[in-house]
C-alpha atoms as a PDB file:
ATOM      1  CA  MET A   1       8.951  11.171  52.011  1.00  0.00           C
ATOM      2  CA  ASP A   2       9.091   9.914  55.598  1.00  0.00           C
ATOM      3  CA  LEU A   3       6.132   7.565  56.214  1.00  0.00           C
ATOM      4  CA  GLN A   4       5.021   5.402  59.102  1.00  0.00           C
ATOM      5  CA  LEU A   5       2.493   2.578  59.403  1.00  0.00           C
ATOM      6  CA  ILE A   6      -0.007   2.544  62.243  1.00  0.00           C
ATOM      7  CA  THR A   7      -1.500  -0.890  62.897  1.00  0.00           C
ATOM      8  CA  CYS A   8      -4.510  -1.199  65.176  1.00  0.00           C
ATOM      9  CA  ILE A   9      -6.160  -4.486  66.168  1.00  0.00           C
ATOM     10  CA  VAL A  10      -9.613  -4.294  67.762  1.00  0.00           C
ATOM     11  CA  GLU A  11     -12.649  -6.481  68.353  1.00  0.00           C
ATOM     12  CA  ARG A  12     -14.768  -7.091  65.297  1.00  0.00           C
ATOM     13  CA  GLY A  13     -17.218  -4.236  64.779  1.00  0.00           C
ATOM     14  CA  LYS A  14     -15.005  -1.568  66.384  1.00  0.00           C
ATOM     15  CA  ALA A  15     -12.865  -0.556  63.378  1.00  0.00           C
ATOM     16  CA  ASP A  16     -15.204   2.166  62.087  1.00  0.00           C
ATOM     17  CA  ARG A  17     -14.599   4.393  65.112  1.00  0.00           C
ATOM     18  CA  ILE A  18     -10.835   3.894  64.674  1.00  0.00           C
ATOM     19  CA  ILE A  19     -10.998   4.817  60.990  1.00  0.00           C
ATOM     20  CA  ASP A  20     -13.224   7.841  61.660  1.00  0.00           C
ATOM     21  CA  ALA A  21     -10.772   9.141  64.272  1.00  0.00           C
ATOM     22  CA  ALA A  22      -7.821   8.593  61.924  1.00  0.00           C
ATOM     23  CA  LEU A  23      -9.453  10.429  59.031  1.00  0.00           C
ATOM     24  CA  LYS A  24     -10.485  13.340  61.268  1.00  0.00           C
ATOM     25  CA  SER A  25      -6.874  13.517  62.474  1.00  0.00           C
ATOM     26  CA  GLY A  26      -5.457  13.941  58.980  1.00  0.00           C
ATOM     27  CA  ALA A  27      -4.921  10.398  57.716  1.00  0.00           C
ATOM     28  CA  GLN A  28      -5.475  10.123  53.962  1.00  0.00           C
ATOM     29  CA  ALA A  29      -7.001   6.633  54.067  1.00  0.00           C
ATOM     30  CA  ALA A  30      -7.178   3.405  56.044  1.00  0.00           C
ATOM     31  CA  THR A  31      -7.356  -0.260  55.122  1.00  0.00           C
ATOM     32  CA  THR A  32      -9.246  -2.749  57.256  1.00  0.00           C
ATOM     33  CA  PHE A  33      -9.512  -6.514  57.179  1.00  0.00           C
ATOM     34  CA  PHE A  34     -10.673  -9.325  59.428  1.00  0.00           C
ATOM     35  CA  GLY A  35      -8.434 -11.556  61.482  1.00  0.00           C
ATOM     36  CA  ARG A  36      -8.606 -14.088  64.253  1.00  0.00           C
ATOM     37  CA  GLY A  37      -6.547 -13.965  67.435  1.00  0.00           C
ATOM     38  CA  ARG A  38      -5.131 -17.029  69.143  1.00  0.00           C
ATOM     39  CA  GLY A  39      -3.193 -17.482  72.344  1.00  0.00           C
ATOM     40  CA  ILE A  40      -3.311 -17.462  76.105  1.00  0.00           C
ATOM     41  CA  ARG A  41      -5.527 -14.382  76.288  1.00  0.00           C
ATOM     42  CA  GLU A  42      -8.127 -16.225  74.215  1.00  0.00           C
ATOM     43  CA  LYS A  43      -8.574 -18.658  77.106  1.00  0.00           C
ATOM     44  CA  LEU A  44      -7.898 -16.468  80.101  1.00  0.00           C
ATOM     45  CA  GLY A  45      -9.074 -13.064  78.977  1.00  0.00           C
ATOM     46  CA  VAL A  46      -8.707  -9.961  81.052  1.00  0.00           C
ATOM     47  CA  PHE A  47      -9.703 -10.544  84.660  1.00  0.00           C
ATOM     48  CA  GLY A  48     -10.865 -14.042  83.717  1.00  0.00           C
ATOM     49  CA  MET A  49     -13.299 -12.863  81.018  1.00  0.00           C
ATOM     50  CA  PHE A  50     -13.428 -14.583  77.635  1.00  0.00           C
ATOM     51  CA  ILE A  51     -11.961 -12.495  74.805  1.00  0.00           C
ATOM     52  CA  LYS A  52     -13.588 -12.986  71.409  1.00  0.00           C
ATOM     53  CA  PRO A  53     -10.993 -14.121  68.866  1.00  0.00           C
ATOM     54  CA  GLU A  54     -12.597 -12.293  65.893  1.00  0.00           C
ATOM     55  CA  LYS A  55     -10.665  -9.095  65.206  1.00  0.00           C
ATOM     56  CA  GLU A  56     -10.487  -6.217  62.771  1.00  0.00           C
ATOM     57  CA  ILE A  57      -7.072  -4.990  61.735  1.00  0.00           C
ATOM     58  CA  VAL A  58      -6.741  -1.375  60.610  1.00  0.00           C
ATOM     59  CA  LEU A  59      -3.688  -0.207  58.658  1.00  0.00           C
ATOM     60  CA  ILE A  60      -2.968   3.502  58.268  1.00  0.00           C
ATOM     61  CA  VAL A  61       0.023   4.889  56.371  1.00  0.00           C
ATOM     62  CA  ALA A  62       0.736   8.481  57.360  1.00  0.00           C
ATOM     63  CA  LYS A  63       3.431  11.101  57.089  1.00  0.00           C
ATOM     64  CA  ALA A  64       5.783  10.830  60.048  1.00  0.00           C
ATOM     65  CA  ASP A  65       5.020  14.353  61.260  1.00  0.00           C
ATOM     66  CA  SER A  66       1.318  13.531  61.737  1.00  0.00           C
ATOM     67  CA  THR A  67       1.618   9.932  62.950  1.00  0.00           C
ATOM     68  CA  LEU A  68       1.664  10.577  66.701  1.00  0.00           C
ATOM     69  CA  GLN A  69      -1.442  12.792  66.570  1.00  0.00           C
ATOM     70  CA  ILE A  70      -3.333  10.183  64.545  1.00  0.00           C
ATOM     71  CA  PHE A  71      -2.109   7.427  66.870  1.00  0.00           C
ATOM     72  CA  GLU A  72      -3.207   9.245  70.049  1.00  0.00           C
ATOM     73  CA  ASN A  73      -6.632   9.974  68.576  1.00  0.00           C
ATOM     74  CA  ILE A  74      -7.273   6.362  67.559  1.00  0.00           C
ATOM     75  CA  VAL A  75      -6.097   5.134  70.967  1.00  0.00           C
ATOM     76  CA  THR A  76      -8.603   7.487  72.603  1.00  0.00           C
ATOM     77  CA  ALA A  77     -11.423   6.671  70.153  1.00  0.00           C
ATOM     78  CA  GLY A  78     -10.958   2.937  70.650  1.00  0.00           C
ATOM     79  CA  GLY A  79     -10.467   3.086  74.412  1.00  0.00           C
ATOM     80  CA  LEU A  80      -7.249   1.157  73.848  1.00  0.00           C
ATOM     81  CA  ARG A  81      -5.750   2.089  77.202  1.00  0.00           C
ATOM     82  CA  GLU A  82      -8.346  -0.176  78.835  1.00  0.00           C
ATOM     83  CA  PRO A  83      -7.217  -3.813  79.176  1.00  0.00           C
ATOM     84  CA  GLY A  84      -8.561  -6.103  76.471  1.00  0.00           C
ATOM     85  CA  LYS A  85      -9.841  -3.330  74.168  1.00  0.00           C
ATOM     86  CA  GLY A  86      -7.204  -3.654  71.484  1.00  0.00           C
ATOM     87  CA  PHE A  87      -3.608  -3.165  70.474  1.00  0.00           C
ATOM     88  CA  ALA A  88      -1.922  -0.492  68.367  1.00  0.00           C
ATOM     89  CA  TYR A  89       1.634   0.197  67.300  1.00  0.00           C
ATOM     90  CA  ILE A  90       3.706   2.255  64.851  1.00  0.00           C
ATOM     91  CA  GLN A  91       6.334   0.975  62.396  1.00  0.00           C
ATOM     92  CA  PRO A  92       8.606   2.817  59.978  1.00  0.00           C
ATOM     93  CA  VAL A  93       7.891   2.450  56.265  1.00  0.00           C
ATOM     94  CA  ASN A  94      11.218   2.028  54.499  1.00  0.00           C
ATOM     95  CA  ASN A  95      10.036   2.028  50.880  1.00  0.00           C
ATOM     96  CA  ALA A  96       6.630   2.839  49.431  1.00  0.00           C
ATOM     97  CA  VAL A  97       5.057   3.475  46.048  1.00  0.00           C
ATOM     98  CA  GLY A  98       1.694   5.077  45.363  1.00  0.00           C
ATOM     99  CA  PHE A  99       1.225   7.207  48.485  1.00  0.00           C
ATOM    100  CA  ILE A 100      -0.795  10.273  47.501  1.00  0.00           C
ATOM    101  CA  GLU A 101      -0.527  13.461  49.531  1.00  0.00           C
END
């Protein structure tokens, strides 16, 4: 089975809308956990605004043929095209066990 991993990093408290959009788009499940960002953007922010370092990371494993639709819907739901709203990317999954269709 051809699988891909969507990773989405958003401000703390914003993951629920990402997960809802993913599930409505055909994702089977999502995993979320808390993280903390560090780096230059922490100090400078977008347009000089402070960016909160507390983040939520959402992981979604999906079949390759539905990944782009799920990805586009979570980008829209999270407003990720706006600077400073989050970051999302897709990676191939080379080996996996336990994925239920």
